Amino acid sequence: MLFLKMSANSKLLAEQVKNAKKKYPTLKVVGRGTVTINPASIVNSASFQADASKIANLPLQK
């Protein structure tokens, strides 16, 4: 059996996916480069709500 050492970039990507899974439990890696996530988990997250309220308070440009 052949085992290859993960590159630094692969390790970084794997760590980013792990961190995203902690924040959004509905995140699933389906295939190489394909990720699915339930949109409701994003919209209902505290960070999204905070960002949405910041955007709502921005002055409109003409």
Protein backbone atom coordinates (compact mmCIF):
# COMPACT_ATOMS: atom_id res chain seq x y z
CA MET A 1 0.00 0.00 0.00
CA LEU A 2 1.31 3.46 -0.90
CA PHE A 3 1.03 6.32 1.59
CA LEU A 4 1.88 9.82 0.48
CA LYS A 5 2.83 12.64 2.82
CA MET A 6 0.33 15.51 2.75
CA SER A 7 1.67 18.74 1.29
CA ALA A 8 1.56 21.94 3.32
CA ASN A 9 -1.26 23.21 1.12
CA SER A 10 -3.29 20.02 1.63
CA LYS A 11 -2.80 20.26 5.38
CA LEU A 12 -3.94 23.89 5.34
CA LEU A 13 -7.06 23.02 3.34
CA ALA A 14 -7.89 20.10 5.63
CA GLU A 15 -7.57 22.38 8.67
CA GLN A 16 -9.83 24.99 7.05
CA VAL A 17 -12.50 22.35 6.38
CA LYS A 18 -12.29 21.14 10.00
CA ASN A 19 -12.73 24.72 11.26
CA ALA A 20 -15.66 25.31 8.91
CA LYS A 21 -17.32 22.09 10.09
CA LYS A 22 -17.11 23.34 13.68
CA LYS A 23 -18.84 26.58 12.70
CA TYR A 24 -21.36 25.03 10.27
CA PRO A 25 -22.22 21.42 11.26
CA THR A 26 -24.27 20.88 8.07
CA LEU A 27 -21.15 21.30 5.90
CA LYS A 28 -20.31 18.15 3.93
CA VAL A 29 -17.40 17.49 1.61
CA VAL A 30 -18.98 15.59 -1.28
CA GLY A 31 -16.05 15.20 -3.59
CA ARG A 32 -12.81 16.77 -4.62
CA GLY A 33 -13.51 20.48 -4.55
CA THR A 34 -17.23 20.08 -3.85
CA VAL A 35 -18.74 21.22 -0.57
CA THR A 36 -22.42 21.38 0.35
CA ILE A 37 -23.93 23.31 3.22
CA ASN A 38 -27.45 24.02 4.38
CA PRO A 39 -28.04 27.75 3.69
CA ALA A 40 -30.21 28.05 6.79
CA SER A 41 -27.21 27.24 8.99
CA ILE A 42 -25.41 30.25 7.52
CA VAL A 43 -28.34 32.66 7.62
CA ASN A 44 -29.16 31.72 11.21
CA SER A 45 -25.56 31.97 12.44
CA ALA A 46 -24.61 34.74 14.86
CA SER A 47 -21.81 36.02 12.60
CA PHE A 48 -24.16 36.36 9.63
CA GLN A 49 -26.76 38.16 11.74
CA ALA A 50 -24.12 40.57 13.06
CA ASP A 51 -22.85 41.28 9.53
CA ALA A 52 -26.39 41.76 8.22
CA SER A 53 -27.14 44.34 10.91
CA LYS A 54 -23.90 46.20 10.09
CA ILE A 55 -24.85 46.29 6.41
CA ALA A 56 -28.36 47.51 7.18
CA ASN A 57 -26.87 50.51 9.01
CA LEU A 58 -24.56 51.59 6.18
CA PRO A 59 -25.44 54.89 4.50
CA LEU A 60 -26.70 54.56 0.94
CA GLN A 61 -24.66 56.09 -1.86
CA LYS A 62 -26.28 57.91 -4.75
